Amino acid sequence: MGNNLQEITTEEFENQVTNSDKPVVVDFYSTECPPCEALAPKLDTIAEKFSGEVKFVKIFRQNNKDLAQRLGVSSSPTLLFFSGGKEVTPRLTGGIRKKTIYNHLSKLVSEEVFDEINIPPVKTRRSFDVIIVGAGPGGLSAGLYAAQAKLKTVIVDQAMPGGQVSTTHLISNYPGTGKPVHGYELMHQMSGQVVDAGAEIIPAVDITSVECNLKNNQHEVTIDDETTLTAPVIIFATGAQPRLLNVTGEKEYQGKGISYCATCDGKYYEGRQLIVIGGGNSAVEESIFLTRFASKITMVHQFDYLQANKTAQETLLANEKIEILWSSEPRKFEKNSEGKMLVTLENLKTHELQTISADGIFIFIGMAPNGKIIPDEVVRNQWGYIITNEAMETSIPGVYAVGDIREKAIRQAITAASDGCIAAVQAERYVESIHKNKLAEHSKESANKTGLGQAAVA
């Protein structure tokens, strides 16, 4: 944490924020929170630039729960923007982009001051053999194999390395670990191994554009709207993100009572009652984890049976803290005057409606492909997953896809790592073929010149 970003506590809040003579940006953060880790370096950079005009403070949610509750902060990270002791812009939560922070800061200072501080950076270009977009198990595996093949490799991610695995409490089926390990621990070890092999990892950046199939066999990825990376090979390992229910009130209460990450937010519900939506592997495993904190969990599932692995089902069904409402789906989310979350449920067999309440709601109904930054030229199926062959090749030469972004039957950390291995080996062969073609063309040009020279002498 830089000198321009000050850590404060509940006791200091009034003096440092409410009574401040400068606008203040407040960052509520947590441990074991990948979005918090991704935000930290961005905020350090921005705080340094705006240090003369705006105050930046951080508040650790675990040690300041009463303040967070009083302010209605129920997700990490959450950015609040104060001026004159009052919030003046909407809050930012979850995966927060640098550009969005700048947009909010433009409301805290005058246009003249903002333009003077926010001078566009000098744009640069860097060339590589392989660009990997995404640093989950698929991207890191690809990076490891590519780097060990002596390809100049860079991995970029809008968050910190690890992907979904970083927010998984325990992983018990990854070969070689010997025992169940924390997801963040496994990905930390994998990241270190990739860097040791020679790959460069650039985390927590805004990927502002991606262009495929440009001339001269070069693809481009621009980060933070200032640095353009070029390479003949690009491997998409962008993974997936939590699928939304698209029910009334869901978006309104995201980060304000509705969460999609048990590891990130479960610790704030000590002794509280929770509702979990879903009945697959994620819902079952995360519900078991949440019983460490919650006094009671009500699971809501659309079927009359669970869809998780049998071992997890047995553990859940034996837990006295967990109750299941079968054959039911949410129809509306609300919050009452006491801060309780309300869920209107429909029984899918009787079509009767009922409303249940809890202190928080966690939604685990599967994942959706994280492909917004991927160009439309890359062919996908009707659900948005990239179509590849067994060599991980997409519809564009030199462009590969691995892991959960790819159309496939099984999505696990181990299958993503396998995809990454295959893509990197194929990428090595592709880069080698380009080099051979260039040498052949160069030899042909040299031969032609030699022939022309001999003809002129004759």
Protein backbone atom coordinates (compact mmCIF):
# COMPACT_ATOMS: atom_id res chain seq x y z
CA MET A 1 0.00 0.00 0.00
CA GLY A 2 1.43 3.37 -1.07
CA ASN A 3 1.90 6.41 1.15
CA ASN A 4 -1.08 8.10 -0.51
CA LEU A 5 -3.49 5.34 0.56
CA GLN A 6 -4.10 5.45 4.30
CA GLU A 7 -5.53 2.63 6.43
CA ILE A 8 -8.15 3.85 8.91
CA THR A 9 -10.53 2.32 11.47
CA THR A 10 -14.09 2.96 12.62
CA GLU A 11 -12.85 5.41 15.28
CA GLU A 12 -11.10 7.51 12.62
CA PHE A 13 -13.89 7.50 10.05
CA GLU A 14 -15.65 10.69 11.16
CA ASN A 15 -12.47 12.74 11.30
CA GLN A 16 -10.87 11.31 8.15
CA VAL A 17 -13.97 11.06 5.96
CA THR A 18 -17.04 12.88 7.25
CA ASN A 19 -15.14 15.99 8.37
CA SER A 20 -12.51 15.99 5.63
CA ASP A 21 -11.94 19.23 3.75
CA LYS A 22 -11.11 17.19 0.63
CA PRO A 23 -13.15 14.67 -1.33
CA VAL A 24 -12.51 11.13 -0.06
CA VAL A 25 -12.49 7.71 -1.73
CA VAL A 26 -13.12 4.89 0.76
CA ASP A 27 -12.14 1.31 -0.07
CA PHE A 28 -13.74 -1.42 2.06
CA TYR A 29 -11.65 -4.55 1.47
CA SER A 30 -11.24 -8.09 2.80
CA THR A 31 -8.68 -10.86 2.92
CA GLU A 32 -9.00 -13.91 0.65
CA CYS A 33 -10.75 -11.63 -1.86
CA PRO A 34 -9.33 -11.78 -5.42
CA PRO A 35 -11.27 -8.67 -6.60
CA CYS A 36 -9.78 -6.77 -3.63
CA GLU A 37 -6.29 -7.90 -4.59
CA ALA A 38 -6.89 -6.85 -8.20
CA LEU A 39 -8.14 -3.42 -7.14
CA ALA A 40 -5.25 -2.63 -4.78
CA PRO A 41 -2.53 -1.80 -7.36
CA LYS A 42 -4.98 0.23 -9.44
CA LEU A 43 -5.98 2.28 -6.41
CA ASP A 44 -2.33 2.82 -5.43
CA THR A 45 -1.59 4.28 -8.87
CA ILE A 46 -4.67 6.49 -8.91
CA ALA A 47 -4.12 7.68 -5.33
CA GLU A 48 -0.62 8.80 -6.24
CA LYS A 49 -1.91 10.82 -9.20
CA PHE A 50 -4.74 12.52 -7.28
CA SER A 51 -2.97 12.85 -3.90
CA GLY A 52 -3.09 16.65 -3.88
CA GLU A 53 -6.82 16.87 -4.54
CA VAL A 54 -8.48 13.70 -3.23
CA LYS A 55 -7.90 11.65 -0.08
CA PHE A 56 -7.84 7.85 -0.41
CA VAL A 57 -8.45 5.57 2.60
CA LYS A 58 -8.82 1.81 3.11
CA ILE A 59 -10.96 0.08 5.74
CA PHE A 60 -10.55 -3.60 6.63
CA ARG A 61 -14.10 -5.01 6.76
CA GLN A 62 -13.36 -7.90 9.13
CA ASN A 63 -12.14 -5.52 11.86
CA ASN A 64 -14.76 -2.84 11.23
CA LYS A 65 -17.96 -4.83 10.80
CA ASP A 66 -20.20 -2.39 12.68
CA LEU A 67 -19.14 0.53 10.46
CA ALA A 68 -19.60 -1.55 7.32
CA GLN A 69 -23.06 -2.59 8.47
CA ARG A 70 -24.00 0.98 9.40
CA LEU A 71 -23.00 2.15 5.92
CA GLY A 72 -24.71 -0.79 4.24
CA VAL A 73 -21.47 -2.25 2.89
CA SER A 74 -21.98 -6.00 2.45
CA SER A 75 -19.52 -6.91 -0.31
CA SER A 76 -15.80 -6.62 -0.92
CA PRO A 77 -14.37 -4.59 -2.42
CA THR A 78 -16.72 -1.61 -2.19
CA LEU A 79 -15.64 1.92 -3.16
CA LEU A 80 -17.49 4.90 -1.69
CA PHE A 81 -16.99 8.47 -2.95
CA PHE A 82 -17.47 11.30 -0.42
CA SER A 83 -17.49 15.07 -0.76
CA GLY A 84 -18.52 17.41 2.03
CA GLY A 85 -19.15 14.43 4.29
CA LYS A 86 -21.73 12.85 1.97
CA GLU A 87 -21.65 10.19 -0.73
CA VAL A 88 -21.91 11.89 -4.12
CA THR A 89 -21.70 9.06 -6.67
CA PRO A 90 -23.01 5.49 -6.89
CA ARG A 91 -20.87 2.87 -5.16
CA LEU A 92 -18.59 0.49 -7.04
CA THR A 93 -18.33 -3.17 -6.07
CA GLY A 94 -16.81 -6.41 -7.36
CA GLY A 95 -14.45 -6.32 -10.34
CA ILE A 96 -13.81 -2.58 -10.60
CA ARG A 97 -12.15 -1.17 -13.72
CA LYS A 98 -9.66 1.68 -13.57
CA LYS A 99 -11.60 3.63 -16.19
CA THR A 100 -14.76 3.47 -14.04
CA ILE A 101 -12.87 4.87 -11.02
CA TYR A 102 -11.64 7.78 -13.16
CA ASN A 103 -15.21 8.47 -14.27
CA HIS A 104 -16.30 8.73 -10.62
CA LEU A 105 -13.31 10.90 -9.70
CA SER A 106 -14.31 13.37 -12.41
CA LYS A 107 -17.39 14.09 -10.26
CA LEU A 108 -15.26 14.88 -7.18
CA VAL A 109 -12.99 17.57 -8.65
CA SER A 110 -13.40 20.36 -11.17
CA GLU A 111 -13.09 19.60 -14.87
CA GLU A 112 -9.97 21.77 -15.08
CA VAL A 113 -8.24 19.95 -12.20
CA PHE A 114 -9.26 16.53 -13.52
CA ASP A 115 -7.90 17.23 -17.00
CA GLU A 116 -4.67 18.59 -15.54
CA ILE A 117 -4.11 15.47 -13.41
CA ASN A 118 -5.39 12.83 -15.78
CA ILE A 119 -2.91 13.33 -18.61
CA PRO A 120 -3.17 10.47 -21.15
CA PRO A 121 -0.12 8.19 -20.86
CA VAL A 122 2.37 7.64 -23.67
CA LYS A 123 1.24 4.60 -25.67
CA THR A 124 3.75 1.76 -26.03
CA ARG A 125 4.00 -1.54 -27.94
CA ARG A 126 5.61 -4.81 -26.84
CA SER A 127 6.06 -7.95 -28.93
CA PHE A 128 5.84 -11.58 -27.77
CA ASP A 129 5.55 -15.07 -29.23
CA VAL A 130 2.45 -15.90 -27.18
CA ILE A 131 -0.16 -13.76 -25.41
CA ILE A 132 -2.41 -15.57 -22.93
CA VAL A 133 -5.56 -13.78 -21.83
CA GLY A 134 -6.61 -15.15 -18.44
CA ALA A 135 -4.56 -16.49 -15.52
CA GLY A 136 -6.67 -19.34 -14.20
CA PRO A 137 -5.44 -22.96 -14.31
CA GLY A 138 -5.86 -23.10 -18.12
CA GLY A 139 -3.95 -19.90 -18.78
CA LEU A 140 -1.21 -20.66 -16.25
CA SER A 141 -0.73 -24.19 -17.61
CA ALA A 142 -0.42 -22.78 -21.14
CA GLY A 143 2.05 -20.20 -19.85
CA LEU A 144 4.15 -22.85 -18.15
CA TYR A 145 4.43 -25.05 -21.25
CA ALA A 146 5.01 -22.08 -23.59
CA ALA A 147 7.73 -20.59 -21.38
CA GLN A 148 9.48 -23.94 -21.00
CA ALA A 149 9.47 -24.17 -24.81
CA LYS A 150 11.45 -20.90 -24.79
CA LEU A 151 8.62 -18.90 -26.32
CA LYS A 152 8.45 -15.28 -25.16
CA THR A 153 5.22 -15.48 -23.18
CA VAL A 154 3.01 -12.96 -21.40
CA ILE A 155 -0.16 -13.66 -19.39
CA VAL A 156 -2.61 -10.82 -18.77
CA ASP A 157 -5.64 -10.86 -16.50
CA GLN A 158 -8.18 -8.31 -15.39
CA ALA A 159 -7.94 -9.80 -11.89
CA MET A 160 -5.16 -11.49 -9.95
CA PRO A 161 -3.86 -14.91 -11.06
CA GLY A 162 -5.99 -17.88 -10.08
CA GLY A 163 -9.39 -17.46 -11.69
CA GLN A 164 -12.36 -19.19 -10.07
CA VAL A 165 -10.06 -21.62 -8.28
CA SER A 166 -8.76 -18.81 -6.06
CA THR A 167 -12.21 -18.41 -4.51
CA THR A 168 -12.73 -22.16 -4.03
CA HIS A 169 -12.36 -23.04 -0.37
CA LEU A 170 -10.86 -26.51 -0.74
CA ILE A 171 -9.82 -28.59 -3.74
CA SER A 172 -9.53 -32.30 -3.05
CA ASN A 173 -9.26 -33.77 -6.56
CA TYR A 174 -6.24 -32.04 -8.12
CA PRO A 175 -3.57 -34.74 -8.60
CA GLY A 176 -0.28 -34.28 -6.80
CA THR A 177 -1.49 -32.14 -3.90
CA GLY A 178 -1.63 -35.17 -1.59
CA LYS A 179 -4.56 -33.76 0.37
CA PRO A 180 -7.30 -31.13 0.08
CA VAL A 181 -5.72 -27.70 -0.46
CA HIS A 182 -7.04 -24.15 -0.44
CA GLY A 183 -7.76 -22.92 -3.94
CA TYR A 184 -5.73 -19.74 -3.52
CA GLU A 185 -2.76 -21.79 -2.25
CA LEU A 186 -2.80 -24.07 -5.31
CA MET A 187 -2.97 -21.12 -7.70
CA HIS A 188 -0.23 -19.24 -5.84
CA GLN A 189 2.09 -22.22 -6.33
CA MET A 190 1.12 -22.52 -9.98
CA SER A 191 1.72 -18.79 -10.61
CA GLY A 192 5.16 -18.99 -9.03
CA GLN A 193 6.07 -21.98 -11.17
CA VAL A 194 5.02 -20.13 -14.34
CA VAL A 195 7.09 -17.07 -13.49
CA ASP A 196 10.10 -19.25 -12.61
CA ALA A 197 9.78 -20.84 -16.07
CA GLY A 198 10.23 -17.40 -17.67
CA ALA A 199 6.71 -16.19 -18.43
CA GLU A 200 5.63 -12.67 -17.52
CA ILE A 201 2.33 -12.17 -15.68
CA ILE A 202 0.59 -8.78 -15.86
CA PRO A 203 -2.36 -8.87 -13.42
CA ALA A 204 -5.16 -6.47 -12.49
CA VAL A 205 -5.31 -4.59 -15.79
CA ASP A 206 -8.18 -3.31 -17.88
CA ILE A 207 -8.16 -5.14 -21.20
CA THR A 208 -9.40 -2.34 -23.42
CA SER A 209 -9.29 -4.09 -26.80
CA VAL A 210 -8.41 -7.38 -28.49
CA GLU A 211 -7.87 -7.72 -32.23
CA CYS A 212 -7.29 -11.02 -34.00
CA ASN A 213 -5.98 -12.01 -37.42
CA LEU A 214 -4.19 -8.78 -38.25
CA LYS A 215 -1.65 -8.56 -41.06
CA ASN A 216 1.77 -10.18 -40.69
CA ASN A 217 0.34 -12.98 -38.50
CA GLN A 218 0.04 -10.63 -35.52
CA HIS A 219 -2.73 -10.39 -32.94
CA GLU A 220 -3.05 -7.49 -30.50
CA VAL A 221 -4.18 -7.01 -26.91
CA THR A 222 -4.29 -3.48 -25.50
CA ILE A 223 -4.20 -3.06 -21.72
CA ASP A 224 -5.15 0.03 -19.71
CA ASP A 225 -5.60 1.83 -23.04
CA GLU A 226 -1.86 2.50 -23.08
CA THR A 227 0.18 -0.65 -23.81
CA THR A 228 -0.41 -2.83 -26.88
CA LEU A 229 0.93 -6.39 -26.79
CA THR A 230 1.46 -8.16 -30.12
CA ALA A 231 2.10 -11.82 -30.93
CA PRO A 232 1.45 -14.42 -33.65
CA VAL A 233 -0.37 -16.54 -31.06
CA ILE A 234 -3.11 -15.61 -28.62
CA ILE A 235 -4.65 -18.09 -26.18
CA PHE A 236 -8.00 -17.18 -24.62
CA ALA A 237 -8.33 -18.53 -21.08
CA THR A 238 -10.92 -16.04 -19.81
CA GLY A 239 -12.99 -18.65 -18.00
CA ALA A 240 -16.53 -18.13 -16.83
CA GLN A 241 -18.40 -15.92 -14.38
CA PRO A 242 -21.38 -16.53 -12.07
CA ARG A 243 -24.60 -16.95 -13.97
CA LEU A 244 -27.37 -14.52 -13.00
CA LEU A 245 -30.95 -15.48 -12.25
CA ASN A 246 -32.22 -12.27 -13.91
CA VAL A 247 -34.89 -12.00 -11.25
CA THR A 248 -36.36 -8.70 -10.07
CA GLY A 249 -34.10 -7.11 -7.45
CA GLU A 250 -31.04 -9.27 -8.18
CA LYS A 251 -28.94 -6.55 -9.84
CA GLU A 252 -30.18 -3.91 -7.42
CA TYR A 253 -28.93 -5.85 -4.38
CA GLN A 254 -25.68 -7.26 -5.80
CA GLY A 255 -23.09 -6.48 -3.16
CA LYS A 256 -25.86 -5.20 -0.89
CA GLY A 257 -27.15 -8.50 0.43
CA ILE A 258 -26.67 -10.76 -2.60
CA SER A 259 -23.29 -12.41 -3.14
CA TYR A 260 -21.77 -14.97 -5.51
CA CYS A 261 -18.60 -15.72 -3.54
CA ALA A 262 -18.71 -17.64 -0.24
CA THR A 263 -14.97 -17.31 0.35
CA CYS A 264 -15.13 -13.53 -0.10
CA ASP A 265 -18.24 -12.73 1.94
CA GLY A 266 -19.15 -15.73 4.10
CA LYS A 267 -17.04 -14.53 7.04
CA TYR A 268 -19.34 -11.51 7.51
CA TYR A 269 -22.34 -13.64 8.41
CA GLU A 270 -21.13 -15.05 11.72
CA GLY A 271 -24.20 -16.30 13.61
CA ARG A 272 -26.55 -15.08 10.86
CA GLN A 273 -29.12 -16.82 8.68
CA LEU A 274 -28.48 -17.28 4.96
CA ILE A 275 -30.30 -18.38 1.83
CA VAL A 276 -28.43 -20.30 -0.87
CA ILE A 277 -29.90 -20.59 -4.36
CA GLY A 278 -28.86 -23.70 -6.31
CA GLY A 279 -28.34 -27.42 -5.94
CA GLY A 280 -25.29 -28.37 -8.02
CA ASN A 281 -21.70 -28.95 -6.93
CA SER A 282 -20.94 -25.29 -6.25
CA ALA A 283 -24.13 -24.67 -4.25
CA VAL A 284 -23.65 -27.79 -2.14
CA GLU A 285 -19.92 -27.33 -1.46
CA GLU A 286 -20.25 -23.61 -0.72
CA SER A 287 -23.24 -24.22 1.57
CA ILE A 288 -21.14 -26.66 3.58
CA PHE A 289 -18.39 -24.02 3.80
CA LEU A 290 -20.88 -21.32 4.87
CA THR A 291 -21.99 -23.41 7.87
CA ARG A 292 -18.66 -22.42 9.45
CA PHE A 293 -20.19 -18.97 9.96
CA ALA A 294 -23.98 -19.07 9.56
CA SER A 295 -26.36 -20.31 12.22
CA LYS A 296 -28.82 -21.57 9.60
CA ILE A 297 -28.85 -22.02 5.83
CA THR A 298 -31.94 -22.47 3.69
CA MET A 299 -31.16 -23.93 0.28
CA VAL A 300 -33.59 -23.25 -2.55
CA HIS A 301 -33.42 -25.70 -5.46
CA GLN A 302 -35.60 -26.04 -8.55
CA PHE A 303 -35.50 -29.86 -8.55
CA ASP A 304 -36.47 -32.43 -5.94
CA TYR A 305 -32.94 -33.89 -5.88
CA LEU A 306 -29.42 -32.50 -5.62
CA GLN A 307 -27.06 -32.52 -8.61
CA ALA A 308 -23.74 -32.53 -6.73
CA ASN A 309 -21.31 -35.42 -6.28
CA LYS A 310 -22.49 -38.08 -3.83
CA THR A 311 -19.84 -37.39 -1.18
CA ALA A 312 -20.76 -33.70 -1.00
CA GLN A 313 -24.48 -34.56 -0.91
CA GLU A 314 -24.00 -36.90 2.04
CA THR A 315 -22.04 -34.27 3.95
CA LEU A 316 -24.66 -31.60 3.31
CA LEU A 317 -27.68 -33.76 4.14
CA ALA A 318 -26.06 -34.72 7.45
CA ASN A 319 -25.56 -31.07 8.46
CA GLU A 320 -28.25 -29.93 10.90
CA LYS A 321 -27.73 -26.28 9.98
CA ILE A 322 -28.99 -26.80 6.42
CA GLU A 323 -32.62 -26.99 5.34
CA ILE A 324 -33.66 -27.52 1.69
CA LEU A 325 -36.75 -26.14 -0.05
CA TRP A 326 -37.22 -28.45 -3.03
CA SER A 327 -38.88 -27.69 -6.40
CA SER A 328 -38.76 -23.94 -5.82
CA GLU A 329 -37.41 -20.89 -7.66
CA PRO A 330 -36.94 -17.23 -6.66
CA ARG A 331 -39.26 -14.71 -8.29
CA LYS A 332 -38.24 -11.50 -6.48
CA PHE A 333 -35.56 -10.12 -4.14
CA GLU A 334 -36.29 -7.29 -1.71
CA LYS A 335 -34.91 -5.74 1.47
CA ASN A 336 -37.08 -4.65 4.39
CA SER A 337 -36.63 -1.68 6.73
CA GLU A 338 -34.63 -3.83 9.16
CA GLY A 339 -32.06 -4.70 6.49
CA LYS A 340 -33.24 -8.28 6.06
CA MET A 341 -33.25 -9.78 2.58
CA LEU A 342 -36.62 -11.12 1.42
CA VAL A 343 -37.08 -13.74 -1.30
CA THR A 344 -40.40 -14.50 -2.95
CA LEU A 345 -40.39 -18.17 -3.99
CA GLU A 346 -42.66 -20.12 -6.32
CA ASN A 347 -43.23 -23.81 -5.73
CA LEU A 348 -42.89 -25.29 -9.22
CA LYS A 349 -45.34 -28.11 -8.47
CA THR A 350 -48.16 -26.24 -6.71
CA HIS A 351 -47.34 -22.72 -8.09
CA GLU A 352 -47.92 -21.32 -4.62
CA LEU A 353 -45.88 -18.27 -3.58
CA GLN A 354 -44.16 -17.78 -0.25
CA THR A 355 -41.72 -15.20 1.12
CA ILE A 356 -38.73 -16.15 3.27
CA SER A 357 -36.15 -13.88 4.88
CA ALA A 358 -32.46 -14.03 5.82
CA ASP A 359 -29.51 -11.79 6.54
CA GLY A 360 -27.87 -12.56 3.20
CA ILE A 361 -28.28 -14.48 -0.03
CA PHE A 362 -25.71 -16.49 -1.98
CA ILE A 363 -26.43 -17.54 -5.56
CA PHE A 364 -24.70 -20.57 -7.12
CA ILE A 365 -26.61 -21.62 -10.25
CA GLY A 366 -23.72 -22.27 -12.60
CA MET A 367 -21.44 -20.18 -14.76
CA ALA A 368 -21.64 -18.19 -18.00
CA PRO A 369 -18.75 -17.76 -20.47
CA ASN A 370 -16.61 -14.70 -19.82
CA GLY A 371 -16.21 -13.66 -23.44
CA LYS A 372 -17.10 -9.97 -23.71
CA ILE A 373 -13.57 -8.92 -24.69
CA ILE A 374 -13.20 -11.65 -27.32
CA PRO A 375 -13.71 -10.45 -30.93
CA ASP A 376 -16.86 -11.58 -32.75
CA GLU A 377 -14.73 -13.21 -35.48
CA VAL A 378 -13.92 -16.03 -33.04
CA VAL A 379 -16.74 -18.53 -33.63
CA ARG A 380 -18.85 -19.52 -30.62
CA ASN A 381 -21.82 -21.78 -29.96
CA GLN A 382 -25.33 -20.62 -29.07
CA TRP A 383 -24.38 -20.28 -25.39
CA GLY A 384 -21.31 -18.14 -26.06
CA TYR A 385 -18.60 -20.77 -25.56
CA ILE A 386 -15.73 -20.76 -28.08
CA ILE A 387 -15.74 -23.69 -30.49
CA THR A 388 -12.37 -25.44 -30.85
CA ASN A 389 -11.02 -28.71 -32.15
CA GLU A 390 -9.02 -31.18 -30.05
CA ALA A 391 -5.90 -29.08 -30.68
CA MET A 392 -7.63 -26.10 -29.00
CA GLU A 393 -7.59 -24.24 -32.33
CA THR A 394 -10.39 -21.75 -33.00
CA SER A 395 -11.74 -20.46 -36.30
CA ILE A 396 -8.78 -18.07 -36.64
CA PRO A 397 -5.20 -19.25 -37.30
CA GLY A 398 -2.94 -18.65 -34.29
CA VAL A 399 -5.90 -18.19 -31.94
CA TYR A 400 -6.59 -20.87 -29.30
CA ALA A 401 -9.07 -21.26 -26.44
CA VAL A 402 -8.70 -23.28 -23.22
CA GLY A 403 -10.59 -23.94 -20.01
CA ASP A 404 -14.12 -22.89 -19.17
CA ILE A 405 -14.45 -20.43 -22.07
CA ARG A 406 -14.25 -23.39 -24.48
CA GLU A 407 -17.15 -25.60 -25.57
CA LYS A 408 -16.55 -28.86 -23.66
CA ALA A 409 -18.28 -31.54 -21.62
CA ILE A 410 -16.40 -31.25 -18.30
CA ARG A 411 -15.23 -28.00 -16.65
CA GLN A 412 -12.75 -28.63 -13.85
CA ALA A 413 -9.38 -27.16 -12.86
CA ILE A 414 -7.60 -30.29 -14.09
CA THR A 415 -9.31 -30.25 -17.51
CA ALA A 416 -8.50 -26.54 -17.90
CA ALA A 417 -4.83 -27.28 -17.15
CA SER A 418 -4.92 -30.09 -19.73
CA ASP A 419 -6.36 -27.71 -22.34
CA GLY A 420 -3.58 -25.22 -21.56
CA CYS A 421 -0.90 -27.85 -22.13
CA ILE A 422 -2.36 -28.83 -25.52
CA ALA A 423 -2.76 -25.22 -26.69
CA ALA A 424 0.83 -24.33 -25.73
CA VAL A 425 2.29 -27.34 -27.56
CA GLN A 426 0.25 -26.48 -30.65
CA ALA A 427 1.25 -22.83 -30.32
CA GLU A 428 4.93 -23.80 -30.29
CA ARG A 429 4.46 -25.71 -33.56
CA TYR A 430 2.54 -22.79 -35.08
CA VAL A 431 5.23 -20.25 -34.18
CA GLU A 432 7.89 -22.60 -35.54
CA SER A 433 5.99 -22.92 -38.84
CA ILE A 434 5.87 -19.13 -39.16
CA HIS A 435 9.62 -18.91 -38.60
CA LYS A 436 10.24 -21.64 -41.21
CA ASN A 437 7.99 -19.88 -43.73
CA LYS A 438 9.85 -16.61 -43.18
CA LEU A 439 13.21 -18.34 -43.66
CA ALA A 440 11.95 -19.98 -46.84
CA GLU A 441 10.70 -16.66 -48.18
CA HIS A 442 13.99 -14.99 -47.28
CA SER A 443 15.97 -17.76 -49.03
CA LYS A 444 13.78 -17.45 -52.11
CA GLU A 445 14.25 -13.67 -52.22
CA SER A 446 18.03 -14.09 -51.81
CA ALA A 447 18.09 -16.67 -54.61
CA ASN A 448 16.10 -14.38 -56.88
CA LYS A 449 18.47 -11.48 -56.18
CA THR A 450 21.48 -13.70 -56.82
CA GLY A 451 19.97 -14.87 -60.08
CA LEU A 452 19.24 -11.34 -61.19
CA GLY A 453 22.82 -10.31 -60.31
CA GLN A 454 24.32 -13.16 -62.32
CA ALA A 455 22.08 -12.33 -65.27
CA ALA A 456 23.20 -8.71 -65.17
CA VAL A 457 26.89 -9.74 -65.17
CA ALA A 458 26.32 -12.10 -68.05
